Amino acid sequence: MIELSRLNGHPIVINAELIKFVEQNPDTVITLVTGDKMVVRESAPQVMHRVLTYRRNLLHPDSAPPSPDATPAAPNAQE
């Protein structure tokens, strides 16, 4: 899933596996394999980057950067 923004600024989470294609003319329109269309604030290259990051994280989860709400590791008590 990738998080994007609707034109009014509200966040929307889209299943990246369902994206058929992305058009930018001038608004970015995402067409899903279901035929549904969504207009988002992000540019087509930004959407592509988020999809690629999502897929990269699926293939290599250990190389993924920590999520923003991940709690930092506690310092080692023996140090």
Protein backbone atom coordinates (compact mmCIF):
# COMPACT_ATOMS: atom_id res chain seq x y z
CA MET A 1 0.00 0.00 0.00
CA ILE A 2 1.19 3.53 -0.75
CA GLU A 3 -0.06 6.75 0.79
CA LEU A 4 -0.95 9.64 -1.49
CA SER A 5 -3.04 12.81 -1.19
CA ARG A 6 -6.33 13.66 -2.84
CA LEU A 7 -6.59 17.10 -4.44
CA ASN A 8 -8.27 18.44 -1.27
CA GLY A 9 -5.24 17.33 0.78
CA HIS A 10 -6.84 14.36 2.49
CA PRO A 11 -4.62 11.26 2.55
CA ILE A 12 -5.60 8.15 0.63
CA VAL A 13 -3.93 4.75 0.76
CA ILE A 14 -3.88 2.80 -2.51
CA ASN A 15 -2.99 -0.81 -3.13
CA ALA A 16 0.06 -0.44 -5.39
CA GLU A 17 -0.55 -3.91 -6.84
CA LEU A 18 -3.80 -2.69 -8.43
CA ILE A 19 -2.34 0.26 -10.34
CA LYS A 20 -2.75 -0.22 -14.07
CA PHE A 21 -1.29 3.11 -15.19
CA VAL A 22 -0.63 6.69 -14.08
CA GLU A 23 -1.32 9.73 -16.26
CA GLN A 24 -0.39 13.36 -15.72
CA ASN A 25 -2.30 15.89 -17.79
CA PRO A 26 -2.04 18.28 -15.79
CA ASP A 27 -3.54 16.46 -12.75
CA THR A 28 -2.22 13.00 -11.90
CA VAL A 29 -4.84 10.33 -12.55
CA ILE A 30 -4.28 6.79 -11.32
CA THR A 31 -6.25 4.07 -13.09
CA LEU A 32 -6.63 0.77 -11.26
CA VAL A 33 -7.09 -2.64 -12.86
CA THR A 34 -10.68 -2.49 -11.59
CA GLY A 35 -11.32 0.54 -13.81
CA ASP A 36 -11.56 2.94 -10.86
CA LYS A 37 -9.78 6.27 -11.32
CA MET A 38 -8.32 8.53 -8.65
CA VAL A 39 -6.92 12.03 -8.94
CA VAL A 40 -4.01 12.77 -6.59
CA ARG A 41 -1.76 15.73 -5.78
CA GLU A 42 1.51 13.88 -6.33
CA SER A 43 3.17 13.94 -9.74
CA ALA A 44 3.46 10.79 -11.86
CA PRO A 45 7.21 10.45 -11.02
CA GLN A 46 6.40 10.74 -7.28
CA VAL A 47 3.78 8.01 -7.56
CA MET A 48 6.22 5.83 -9.50
CA HIS A 49 8.89 6.37 -6.83
CA ARG A 50 6.48 5.31 -4.06
CA VAL A 51 5.44 2.21 -6.00
CA LEU A 52 9.07 1.26 -6.63
CA THR A 53 9.94 1.81 -2.96
CA TYR A 54 6.95 -0.33 -1.94
CA ARG A 55 8.01 -3.16 -4.26
CA ARG A 56 11.66 -2.90 -3.20
CA ASN A 57 10.58 -3.22 0.44
CA LEU A 58 8.61 -6.36 -0.42
CA LEU A 59 11.64 -7.98 -2.03
CA HIS A 60 14.23 -6.77 0.48
CA PRO A 61 12.50 -5.97 3.79
CA ASP A 62 15.80 -5.83 5.72
CA SER A 63 17.04 -2.93 3.60
CA ALA A 64 13.92 -0.85 4.18
CA PRO A 65 14.35 2.38 6.14
CA PRO A 66 12.59 2.35 9.51
CA SER A 67 9.00 3.48 9.52
CA PRO A 68 8.40 6.98 10.92
CA ASP A 69 6.52 5.61 13.95
CA ALA A 70 9.07 2.93 14.82
CA THR A 71 10.37 3.31 18.35
CA PRO A 72 14.16 3.68 18.63
CA ALA A 73 16.06 0.76 20.10
CA ALA A 74 16.83 1.01 23.79
CA PRO A 75 20.52 1.64 24.55
CA ASN A 76 22.46 -1.38 25.72
CA ALA A 77 22.40 -1.45 29.54
CA GLN A 78 25.87 -3.05 29.72
CA GLU A 79 27.64 -0.11 28.10
